[in-house]
Amino acid sequence: MIRRAQVEYDALDAIVRRLRPADLERYAFDERARIRWKVKDVIAHLTAWKLRDVRRMTRDRGPLKPYDAPYGAGTHEPNALIWERSHRTPGKKIVAEHRAAHRATLKAIRAAPAEYFAKHHSRHWPYDIVQHLSQHRRQHLEPLFAEPTKR
């Protein structure tokens, strides 16, 4: 699991390292989107949901930190709250939170008892640490650096 989490983090962080401050302010969703997420908002979204898995793993019931995914009905409400915070947070801070979340993830995985891992058999598990990151990285961030197609 550590290897899977590290591989996905490395792929995402390779993109994050290429981003200039202006790139963080670019729109990652088009104008048809319900909420116009910028690149920094996507990174904050991934960080928040990744930290939700960390809270589950560590059984943390303490107060949420500002960058944690808030609890709410379904996913739209928490995502809207993540966006409300991230759109006014400087990109540099969001990038720092992204890296801190990975350190917290590795620490949580290493500290979790073996029984915790024996209960999960889905190839998508842990969803927010691996699969969710991968989906958004491919859908919203990799296209920023894709070569334009020739007609």
Protein backbone atom coordinates (compact mmCIF):
# COMPACT_ATOMS: atom_id res chain seq x y z
CA MET A 1 0.00 0.00 0.00
CA ILE A 2 2.86 2.38 0.75
CA ARG A 3 4.22 1.70 -2.73
CA ARG A 4 0.84 2.41 -4.37
CA ALA A 5 0.44 5.63 -2.37
CA GLN A 6 3.99 6.72 -3.22
CA VAL A 7 3.64 5.96 -6.94
CA GLU A 8 0.46 8.02 -7.19
CA TYR A 9 1.92 10.85 -5.11
CA ASP A 10 5.04 10.92 -7.31
CA ALA A 11 2.90 11.17 -10.47
CA LEU A 12 0.81 13.99 -8.99
CA ASP A 13 3.77 15.82 -7.49
CA ALA A 14 5.64 15.67 -10.82
CA ILE A 15 2.83 17.81 -12.22
CA VAL A 16 2.71 20.07 -9.15
CA ARG A 17 6.47 20.73 -9.45
CA ARG A 18 5.99 21.89 -13.06
CA LEU A 19 3.27 24.38 -12.14
CA ARG A 20 4.14 28.06 -12.04
CA PRO A 21 2.14 30.39 -9.81
CA ALA A 22 0.06 31.48 -12.82
CA ASP A 23 -0.73 27.83 -13.63
CA LEU A 24 -2.28 27.36 -10.20
CA GLU A 25 -4.80 30.07 -11.09
CA ARG A 26 -5.79 28.49 -14.43
CA TYR A 27 -9.22 26.94 -14.71
CA ALA A 28 -9.17 23.15 -14.69
CA PHE A 29 -12.91 22.85 -15.46
CA ASP A 30 -14.65 24.54 -18.35
CA GLU A 31 -17.44 27.08 -18.11
CA ARG A 32 -20.14 24.37 -18.09
CA ALA A 33 -19.01 23.15 -14.66
CA ARG A 34 -21.25 23.76 -11.68
CA ILE A 35 -18.22 25.22 -9.88
CA ARG A 36 -15.26 26.61 -11.87
CA TRP A 37 -12.36 24.82 -10.17
CA LYS A 38 -8.89 26.20 -10.72
CA VAL A 39 -5.79 24.01 -10.68
CA LYS A 40 -5.06 24.94 -7.06
CA ASP A 41 -8.64 24.00 -6.13
CA VAL A 42 -8.20 20.55 -7.66
CA ILE A 43 -5.01 20.03 -5.63
CA ALA A 44 -6.79 21.23 -2.47
CA HIS A 45 -9.70 18.88 -3.23
CA LEU A 46 -7.36 15.90 -3.55
CA THR A 47 -5.51 16.88 -0.39
CA ALA A 48 -8.72 17.19 1.62
CA TRP A 49 -10.09 13.80 0.57
CA LYS A 50 -6.70 12.14 1.03
CA LEU A 51 -6.66 13.45 4.60
CA ARG A 52 -10.15 11.97 5.08
CA ASP A 53 -8.57 8.53 4.52
CA VAL A 54 -5.81 9.44 6.98
CA ARG A 55 -8.45 10.36 9.59
CA ARG A 56 -10.17 7.00 8.99
CA MET A 57 -6.91 5.10 9.25
CA THR A 58 -5.83 6.81 12.45
CA ARG A 59 -9.37 6.91 13.88
CA ASP A 60 -8.94 10.64 14.39
CA ARG A 61 -12.16 12.06 15.80
CA GLY A 62 -10.66 15.46 16.65
CA PRO A 63 -11.75 18.76 15.16
CA LEU A 64 -11.26 19.14 11.43
CA LYS A 65 -8.34 21.22 10.25
CA PRO A 66 -9.12 23.96 7.71
CA TYR A 67 -7.84 21.84 4.80
CA ASP A 68 -9.68 18.62 5.79
CA ALA A 69 -12.71 17.49 3.80
CA PRO A 70 -15.71 18.71 5.79
CA TYR A 71 -18.47 16.27 6.59
CA GLY A 72 -21.75 16.79 4.82
CA ALA A 73 -24.44 15.10 2.80
CA GLY A 74 -23.08 13.32 -0.27
CA THR A 75 -20.02 14.74 -1.99
CA HIS A 76 -21.28 17.98 -3.53
CA GLU A 77 -21.67 19.81 -0.22
CA PRO A 78 -18.19 18.93 1.12
CA ASN A 79 -16.63 19.66 -2.28
CA ALA A 80 -18.31 23.07 -2.41
CA LEU A 81 -16.94 23.83 1.06
CA ILE A 82 -13.45 22.71 -0.01
CA TRP A 83 -13.70 25.03 -3.02
CA GLU A 84 -14.90 27.96 -0.87
CA ARG A 85 -11.73 27.69 1.19
CA SER A 86 -9.30 26.85 -1.60
CA HIS A 87 -10.32 29.58 -4.05
CA ARG A 88 -9.20 32.21 -1.53
CA THR A 89 -6.11 30.33 -0.29
CA PRO A 90 -2.76 31.12 -1.94
CA GLY A 91 -1.51 28.40 -4.28
CA LYS A 92 1.80 28.15 -2.44
CA LYS A 93 -0.04 27.19 0.76
CA ILE A 94 -2.14 24.60 -1.07
CA VAL A 95 1.02 23.02 -2.52
CA ALA A 96 2.56 22.88 0.97
CA GLU A 97 -0.61 21.22 2.31
CA HIS A 98 -0.47 18.68 -0.55
CA ARG A 99 3.05 17.66 0.50
CA ALA A 100 2.22 17.62 4.22
CA ALA A 101 -0.79 15.40 3.50
CA HIS A 102 1.47 12.87 1.81
CA ARG A 103 3.78 12.78 4.82
CA ALA A 104 0.75 12.26 7.07
CA THR A 105 -0.48 9.50 4.76
CA LEU A 106 2.78 7.57 4.92
CA LYS A 107 2.92 7.98 8.69
CA ALA A 108 -0.66 6.70 9.05
CA ILE A 109 -0.06 3.71 6.78
CA ARG A 110 3.08 2.74 8.68
CA ALA A 111 1.32 3.07 12.05
CA ALA A 112 -1.85 1.20 11.09
CA PRO A 113 -2.16 -2.35 12.44
CA ALA A 114 -2.05 -5.23 9.95
CA GLU A 115 -5.71 -6.01 10.68
CA TYR A 116 -6.67 -2.67 9.17
CA PHE A 117 -5.29 -3.72 5.79
CA ALA A 118 -6.70 -7.25 5.92
CA LYS A 119 -10.27 -5.93 5.81
CA HIS A 120 -9.98 -4.17 2.45
CA HIS A 121 -9.82 -6.12 -0.77
CA SER A 122 -10.88 -3.70 -3.51
CA ARG A 123 -8.17 -2.78 -5.99
CA HIS A 124 -9.40 0.80 -5.63
CA TRP A 125 -8.76 0.86 -1.89
CA PRO A 126 -7.67 3.17 -0.38
CA TYR A 127 -9.80 5.21 -2.76
CA ASP A 128 -8.86 8.78 -1.80
CA ILE A 129 -5.15 8.04 -1.44
CA VAL A 130 -4.73 6.26 -4.77
CA GLN A 131 -7.70 5.93 -7.15
CA HIS A 132 -9.31 9.34 -6.57
CA LEU A 133 -5.96 11.11 -7.00
CA SER A 134 -5.26 9.18 -10.15
CA GLN A 135 -8.64 10.01 -11.71
CA HIS A 136 -8.36 13.75 -11.10
CA ARG A 137 -4.68 13.88 -12.05
CA ARG A 138 -5.43 12.30 -15.43
CA GLN A 139 -8.66 14.22 -16.04
CA HIS A 140 -7.80 17.73 -14.87
CA LEU A 141 -4.05 18.16 -14.40
CA GLU A 142 -2.24 16.11 -17.04
CA PRO A 143 -4.09 17.90 -19.87
CA LEU A 144 -2.39 21.13 -18.78
CA PHE A 145 0.86 19.77 -20.18
CA ALA A 146 -0.48 17.69 -23.06
CA GLU A 147 0.87 18.44 -26.50
CA PRO A 148 -1.75 20.02 -28.74
CA THR A 149 -3.06 17.57 -31.32
CA LYS A 150 -2.26 18.29 -34.95
CA ARG A 151 -5.16 18.56 -37.34
